[in-house]
């Protein structure tokens, strides 16, 4: 994973594309995360899902 200022920019070589408004986002237990990845705390049983998708 690569990040800049707490925002995910690439995972496993798959990079975001700001020109096309495609970004990495993530959810925790099905809810959008409210903090940047470097500040978000998770518990052992939390389910974290990262998605590379177009953001409106």
N, C-alpha and C. Protein backbone atom coordinates (compact mmCIF):
# COMPACT_ATOMS: atom_id res chain seq x y z
N UNK A 1 0.84 -1.17 0.00
CA UNK A 1 0.00 0.00 0.00
C UNK A 1 0.89 1.23 0.00
N UNK A 2 0.52 2.21 -0.79
CA UNK A 2 1.18 3.51 -0.78
C UNK A 2 0.17 4.55 -0.33
N UNK A 3 0.64 5.55 0.39
CA UNK A 3 -0.24 6.61 0.83
C UNK A 3 0.49 7.94 0.81
N UNK A 4 -0.29 9.01 0.69
CA UNK A 4 0.22 10.37 0.75
C UNK A 4 -0.69 11.16 1.68
N UNK A 5 -0.12 11.70 2.74
CA UNK A 5 -0.87 12.48 3.72
C UNK A 5 -2.06 11.70 4.28
N UNK A 6 -1.91 10.39 4.41
CA UNK A 6 -2.95 9.55 4.98
C UNK A 6 -3.97 9.03 3.99
N UNK A 7 -3.89 9.49 2.73
CA UNK A 7 -4.81 9.01 1.71
C UNK A 7 -4.14 7.92 0.90
N UNK A 8 -4.85 6.83 0.66
CA UNK A 8 -4.32 5.70 -0.10
C UNK A 8 -4.17 6.12 -1.55
N UNK A 9 -3.00 5.88 -2.14
CA UNK A 9 -2.78 6.23 -3.54
C UNK A 9 -2.58 4.99 -4.42
N UNK A 10 -2.18 3.86 -3.81
CA UNK A 10 -1.99 2.63 -4.58
C UNK A 10 -1.99 1.42 -3.65
N UNK A 11 -2.52 0.32 -4.17
CA UNK A 11 -2.49 -0.96 -3.48
C UNK A 11 -2.10 -2.00 -4.51
N UNK A 12 -1.09 -2.79 -4.20
CA UNK A 12 -0.61 -3.85 -5.10
C UNK A 12 -0.37 -3.33 -6.52
N UNK A 13 0.15 -2.11 -6.62
CA UNK A 13 0.49 -1.54 -7.92
C UNK A 13 -0.68 -0.91 -8.65
N UNK A 14 -1.89 -1.02 -8.11
CA UNK A 14 -3.07 -0.41 -8.73
C UNK A 14 -3.22 1.00 -8.16
N UNK A 15 -3.01 2.00 -9.03
CA UNK A 15 -2.98 3.39 -8.59
C UNK A 15 -4.30 4.10 -8.87
N UNK A 16 -4.57 5.10 -8.03
CA UNK A 16 -5.72 5.95 -8.29
C UNK A 16 -5.43 6.85 -9.50
N UNK A 17 -6.47 7.43 -10.07
CA UNK A 17 -6.33 8.29 -11.24
C UNK A 17 -7.18 9.54 -11.03
N UNK A 18 -6.61 10.58 -10.42
CA UNK A 18 -7.38 11.80 -10.13
C UNK A 18 -7.99 12.45 -11.37
N UNK A 19 -7.34 12.36 -12.52
CA UNK A 19 -7.88 12.97 -13.74
C UNK A 19 -9.22 12.33 -14.11
N UNK A 20 -9.37 11.05 -13.84
CA UNK A 20 -10.62 10.33 -14.13
C UNK A 20 -11.51 10.21 -12.89
N UNK A 21 -11.11 10.86 -11.79
CA UNK A 21 -11.83 10.83 -10.51
C UNK A 21 -11.95 9.41 -9.95
N UNK A 22 -10.90 8.61 -10.15
CA UNK A 22 -10.87 7.24 -9.62
C UNK A 22 -9.92 7.23 -8.41
N UNK A 23 -10.47 6.88 -7.27
CA UNK A 23 -9.72 6.92 -6.02
C UNK A 23 -9.93 5.65 -5.22
N UNK A 24 -8.98 5.41 -4.31
CA UNK A 24 -9.14 4.34 -3.34
C UNK A 24 -10.00 4.86 -2.21
N UNK A 25 -11.00 4.08 -1.82
CA UNK A 25 -11.81 4.38 -0.65
C UNK A 25 -11.86 3.11 0.20
N UNK A 26 -12.35 3.25 1.41
CA UNK A 26 -12.48 2.04 2.23
C UNK A 26 -13.64 2.15 3.21
N UNK A 27 -14.16 0.98 3.55
CA UNK A 27 -15.22 0.89 4.54
C UNK A 27 -14.76 -0.01 5.67
N UNK A 28 -15.38 0.21 6.81
CA UNK A 28 -15.14 -0.63 7.99
C UNK A 28 -16.49 -1.14 8.45
N UNK A 29 -16.64 -2.44 8.42
CA UNK A 29 -17.92 -3.08 8.78
C UNK A 29 -19.07 -2.51 7.96
N UNK A 30 -18.81 -2.24 6.69
CA UNK A 30 -19.86 -1.78 5.78
C UNK A 30 -20.16 -0.29 5.82
N UNK A 31 -19.44 0.47 6.65
CA UNK A 31 -19.66 1.92 6.76
C UNK A 31 -18.42 2.66 6.28
N UNK A 32 -18.64 3.80 5.57
CA UNK A 32 -17.51 4.58 5.09
C UNK A 32 -16.62 5.01 6.25
N UNK A 33 -15.33 4.91 6.07
CA UNK A 33 -14.37 5.36 7.08
C UNK A 33 -14.46 6.88 7.21
N UNK A 34 -14.27 7.38 8.41
CA UNK A 34 -14.39 8.82 8.65
C UNK A 34 -13.05 9.51 8.82
N UNK A 35 -11.97 8.74 8.77
CA UNK A 35 -10.63 9.30 8.96
C UNK A 35 -9.71 8.79 7.86
N UNK A 36 -8.60 9.50 7.66
CA UNK A 36 -7.60 9.01 6.72
C UNK A 36 -7.01 7.72 7.27
N UNK A 37 -6.46 6.90 6.39
CA UNK A 37 -6.05 5.55 6.74
C UNK A 37 -4.99 5.52 7.87
N UNK A 38 -4.14 6.52 7.94
CA UNK A 38 -3.09 6.52 8.97
C UNK A 38 -3.63 6.91 10.35
N UNK A 39 -4.85 7.41 10.43
CA UNK A 39 -5.43 7.80 11.71
C UNK A 39 -6.60 6.92 12.14
N UNK A 40 -7.03 6.03 11.26
CA UNK A 40 -8.20 5.18 11.55
C UNK A 40 -7.80 3.99 12.41
N UNK A 41 -8.51 3.80 13.50
CA UNK A 41 -8.26 2.64 14.36
C UNK A 41 -9.28 1.57 14.04
N UNK A 42 -8.83 0.31 14.07
CA UNK A 42 -9.71 -0.82 13.83
C UNK A 42 -9.50 -1.86 14.92
N UNK A 43 -10.53 -2.64 15.16
CA UNK A 43 -10.46 -3.72 16.14
C UNK A 43 -10.20 -5.03 15.41
N UNK A 44 -9.82 -6.06 16.15
CA UNK A 44 -9.47 -7.35 15.56
C UNK A 44 -10.57 -7.94 14.68
N UNK A 45 -11.82 -7.79 15.06
CA UNK A 45 -12.91 -8.41 14.30
C UNK A 45 -13.51 -7.48 13.23
N UNK A 46 -13.01 -6.27 13.11
CA UNK A 46 -13.51 -5.35 12.09
C UNK A 46 -13.20 -5.87 10.70
N UNK A 47 -14.13 -5.64 9.78
CA UNK A 47 -13.93 -6.03 8.38
C UNK A 47 -13.66 -4.76 7.58
N UNK A 48 -12.46 -4.68 7.01
CA UNK A 48 -12.05 -3.51 6.24
C UNK A 48 -12.04 -3.90 4.76
N UNK A 49 -12.69 -3.09 3.93
CA UNK A 49 -12.75 -3.36 2.50
C UNK A 49 -12.26 -2.13 1.74
N UNK A 50 -11.22 -2.32 0.91
CA UNK A 50 -10.69 -1.26 0.08
C UNK A 50 -11.26 -1.40 -1.33
N UNK A 51 -11.63 -0.25 -1.92
CA UNK A 51 -12.23 -0.26 -3.25
C UNK A 51 -11.61 0.84 -4.11
N UNK A 52 -11.26 0.50 -5.35
CA UNK A 52 -10.77 1.48 -6.32
C UNK A 52 -11.93 1.76 -7.26
N UNK A 53 -12.48 2.98 -7.19
CA UNK A 53 -13.69 3.27 -7.95
C UNK A 53 -13.79 4.77 -8.23
N UNK A 54 -14.68 5.09 -9.17
CA UNK A 54 -14.93 6.48 -9.52
C UNK A 54 -15.73 7.14 -8.39
N UNK A 55 -15.28 8.31 -7.97
CA UNK A 55 -15.95 9.06 -6.92
C UNK A 55 -16.67 10.23 -7.55
N UNK A 56 -17.92 10.38 -7.22
CA UNK A 56 -18.73 11.47 -7.80
C UNK A 56 -18.57 12.75 -7.04
